[in-house]
C-alpha atoms as a PDB file:
ATOM      1  CA  UNK A   1      31.142  76.936  46.549  1.00  0.00           C
ATOM      2  CA  UNK A   2      31.355  73.160  46.205  1.00  0.00           C
ATOM      3  CA  UNK A   3      29.700  71.183  48.998  1.00  0.00           C
ATOM      4  CA  UNK A   4      31.711  68.157  50.079  1.00  0.00           C
ATOM      5  CA  UNK A   5      29.898  64.866  50.483  1.00  0.00           C
ATOM      6  CA  UNK A   6      29.854  63.094  53.827  1.00  0.00           C
ATOM      7  CA  UNK A   7      31.508  59.702  54.268  1.00  0.00           C
ATOM      8  CA  UNK A   8      28.045  58.140  54.340  1.00  0.00           C
ATOM      9  CA  UNK A   9      27.184  59.720  50.979  1.00  0.00           C
ATOM     10  CA  UNK A  10      30.538  58.668  49.492  1.00  0.00           C
ATOM     11  CA  UNK A  11      30.021  55.104  50.691  1.00  0.00           C
ATOM     12  CA  UNK A  12      26.471  55.019  49.318  1.00  0.00           C
ATOM     13  CA  UNK A  13      27.706  56.288  45.924  1.00  0.00           C
ATOM     14  CA  UNK A  14      30.378  53.573  45.911  1.00  0.00           C
ATOM     15  CA  UNK A  15      28.008  50.679  46.580  1.00  0.00           C
ATOM     16  CA  UNK A  16      25.442  51.921  44.046  1.00  0.00           C
ATOM     17  CA  UNK A  17      27.996  52.306  41.235  1.00  0.00           C
ATOM     18  CA  UNK A  18      28.905  49.858  38.456  1.00  0.00           C
ATOM     19  CA  UNK A  19      31.858  47.561  39.269  1.00  0.00           C
ATOM     20  CA  UNK A  20      34.150  49.261  36.729  1.00  0.00           C
ATOM     21  CA  UNK A  21      33.544  52.752  38.135  1.00  0.00           C
ATOM     22  CA  UNK A  22      36.650  54.672  39.184  1.00  0.00           C
ATOM     23  CA  UNK A  23      36.817  56.422  42.568  1.00  0.00           C
ATOM     24  CA  UNK A  24      39.267  58.797  44.202  1.00  0.00           C
ATOM     25  CA  UNK A  25      41.112  57.964  47.393  1.00  0.00           C
ATOM     26  CA  UNK A  26      38.745  60.018  49.562  1.00  0.00           C
ATOM     27  CA  UNK A  27      35.832  57.777  48.570  1.00  0.00           C
ATOM     28  CA  UNK A  28      37.830  54.582  49.059  1.00  0.00           C
ATOM     29  CA  UNK A  29      39.047  55.772  52.458  1.00  0.00           C
ATOM     30  CA  UNK A  30      35.409  56.387  53.449  1.00  0.00           C
ATOM     31  CA  UNK A  31      34.359  52.919  52.257  1.00  0.00           C
ATOM     32  CA  UNK A  32      37.186  51.228  54.188  1.00  0.00           C
ATOM     33  CA  UNK A  33      36.791  53.490  57.252  1.00  0.00           C
ATOM     34  CA  UNK A  34      40.449  54.520  57.120  1.00  0.00           C
ATOM     35  CA  UNK A  35      42.335  57.772  56.616  1.00  0.00           C
ATOM     36  CA  UNK A  36      43.266  58.614  53.026  1.00  0.00           C
ATOM     37  CA  UNK A  37      46.883  58.897  54.197  1.00  0.00           C
ATOM     38  CA  UNK A  38      46.800  55.146  54.873  1.00  0.00           C
ATOM     39  CA  UNK A  39      46.054  54.585  51.183  1.00  0.00           C
ATOM     40  CA  UNK A  40      48.970  56.879  50.297  1.00  0.00           C
ATOM     41  CA  UNK A  41      51.262  54.887  52.594  1.00  0.00           C
ATOM     42  CA  UNK A  42      50.090  51.609  51.026  1.00  0.00           C
ATOM     43  CA  UNK A  43      50.907  52.938  47.558  1.00  0.00           C
ATOM     44  CA  UNK A  44      54.326  54.075  48.732  1.00  0.00           C
ATOM     45  CA  UNK A  45      54.999  50.636  50.271  1.00  0.00           C
ATOM     46  CA  UNK A  46      53.554  48.959  47.138  1.00  0.00           C
ATOM     47  CA  UNK A  47      50.906  47.067  49.121  1.00  0.00           C
ATOM     48  CA  UNK A  48      47.143  47.270  49.304  1.00  0.00           C
ATOM     49  CA  UNK A  49      44.624  47.900  46.568  1.00  0.00           C
ATOM     50  CA  UNK A  50      45.552  48.069  42.898  1.00  0.00           C
ATOM     51  CA  UNK A  51      45.171  51.602  41.570  1.00  0.00           C
ATOM     52  CA  UNK A  52      45.344  53.616  38.372  1.00  0.00           C
ATOM     53  CA  UNK A  53      47.541  56.690  38.008  1.00  0.00           C
ATOM     54  CA  UNK A  54      46.476  59.223  35.394  1.00  0.00           C
ATOM     55  CA  UNK A  55      48.856  62.135  35.604  1.00  0.00           C
ATOM     56  CA  UNK A  56      48.718  63.269  39.217  1.00  0.00           C
ATOM     57  CA  UNK A  57      45.369  61.602  39.851  1.00  0.00           C
ATOM     58  CA  UNK A  58      45.029  58.290  41.697  1.00  0.00           C
ATOM     59  CA  UNK A  59      41.907  56.252  41.012  1.00  0.00           C
ATOM     60  CA  UNK A  60      40.620  52.913  42.257  1.00  0.00           C
ATOM     61  CA  UNK A  61      38.243  50.571  40.441  1.00  0.00           C
ATOM     62  CA  UNK A  62      35.290  49.413  42.516  1.00  0.00           C
ATOM     63  CA  UNK A  63      35.942  45.781  41.556  1.00  0.00           C
ATOM     64  CA  UNK A  64      39.536  45.995  42.892  1.00  0.00           C
ATOM     65  CA  UNK A  65      38.325  47.471  46.182  1.00  0.00           C
ATOM     66  CA  UNK A  66      35.751  44.702  46.575  1.00  0.00           C
ATOM     67  CA  UNK A  67      38.445  42.085  45.865  1.00  0.00           C
ATOM     68  CA  UNK A  68      40.649  43.682  48.520  1.00  0.00           C
ATOM     69  CA  UNK A  69      37.777  43.551  51.028  1.00  0.00           C
ATOM     70  CA  UNK A  70      37.033  39.908  50.144  1.00  0.00           C
ATOM     71  CA  UNK A  71      40.715  38.951  50.443  1.00  0.00           C
ATOM     72  CA  UNK A  72      40.799  40.370  53.977  1.00  0.00           C
ATOM     73  CA  UNK A  73      37.646  38.645  55.181  1.00  0.00           C
ATOM     74  CA  UNK A  74      38.229  36.691  58.384  1.00  0.00           C
ATOM     75  CA  UNK A  75      35.839  33.862  59.090  1.00  0.00           C
ATOM     76  CA  UNK A  76      34.665  33.061  62.592  1.00  0.00           C
ATOM     77  CA  UNK A  77      36.384  29.667  62.379  1.00  0.00           C
ATOM     78  CA  UNK A  78      39.747  31.220  61.402  1.00  0.00           C
ATOM     79  CA  UNK A  79      39.397  33.708  64.249  1.00  0.00           C
ATOM     80  CA  UNK A  80      38.814  30.896  66.769  1.00  0.00           C
ATOM     81  CA  UNK A  81      41.796  28.918  65.456  1.00  0.00           C
ATOM     82  CA  UNK A  82      44.043  31.957  65.791  1.00  0.00           C
ATOM     83  CA  UNK A  83      42.802  32.588  69.335  1.00  0.00           C
ATOM     84  CA  UNK A  84      43.405  28.932  70.304  1.00  0.00           C
ATOM     85  CA  UNK A  85      46.900  29.084  68.838  1.00  0.00           C
ATOM     86  CA  UNK A  86      47.688  32.204  70.849  1.00  0.00           C
ATOM     87  CA  UNK A  87      46.324  30.590  74.013  1.00  0.00           C
ATOM     88  CA  UNK A  88      48.437  27.447  73.430  1.00  0.00           C
ATOM     89  CA  UNK A  89      51.568  29.552  72.954  1.00  0.00           C
ATOM     90  CA  UNK A  90      50.840  31.561  76.104  1.00  0.00           C
ATOM     91  CA  UNK A  91      50.532  28.334  78.126  1.00  0.00           C
ATOM     92  CA  UNK A  92      53.970  27.174  76.970  1.00  0.00           C
ATOM     93  CA  UNK A  93      55.537  30.588  77.543  1.00  0.00           C
ATOM     94  CA  UNK A  94      56.234  31.152  73.867  1.00  0.00           C
ATOM     95  CA  UNK A  95      55.030  34.142  71.966  1.00  0.00           C
ATOM     96  CA  UNK A  96      54.486  34.492  68.278  1.00  0.00           C
ATOM     97  CA  UNK A  97      54.609  37.627  66.196  1.00  0.00           C
ATOM     98  CA  UNK A  98      51.589  38.463  64.090  1.00  0.00           C
ATOM     99  CA  UNK A  99      52.244  39.286  60.452  1.00  0.00           C
END
């Protein structure tokens, strides 16, 4: 009987691995704190993290996951600017859609 690793163990394995190491979607979902079905949806919509398909297997390179995380980093300054913009639009009665 194969014992499944916890999300904490999967995440630890990810961060300790070499940047070219390949990981399955369960590990990447644990690292990103999302459901693996979200990764499946992203692949279907052709968005998200670059991946490798080998037969029926989907694999992600650590370096691509880190790039994805870095690309989605929000700085405190950007967060304040967005909040101020929303407040300004609320004062004028206009609303803006987030993308």
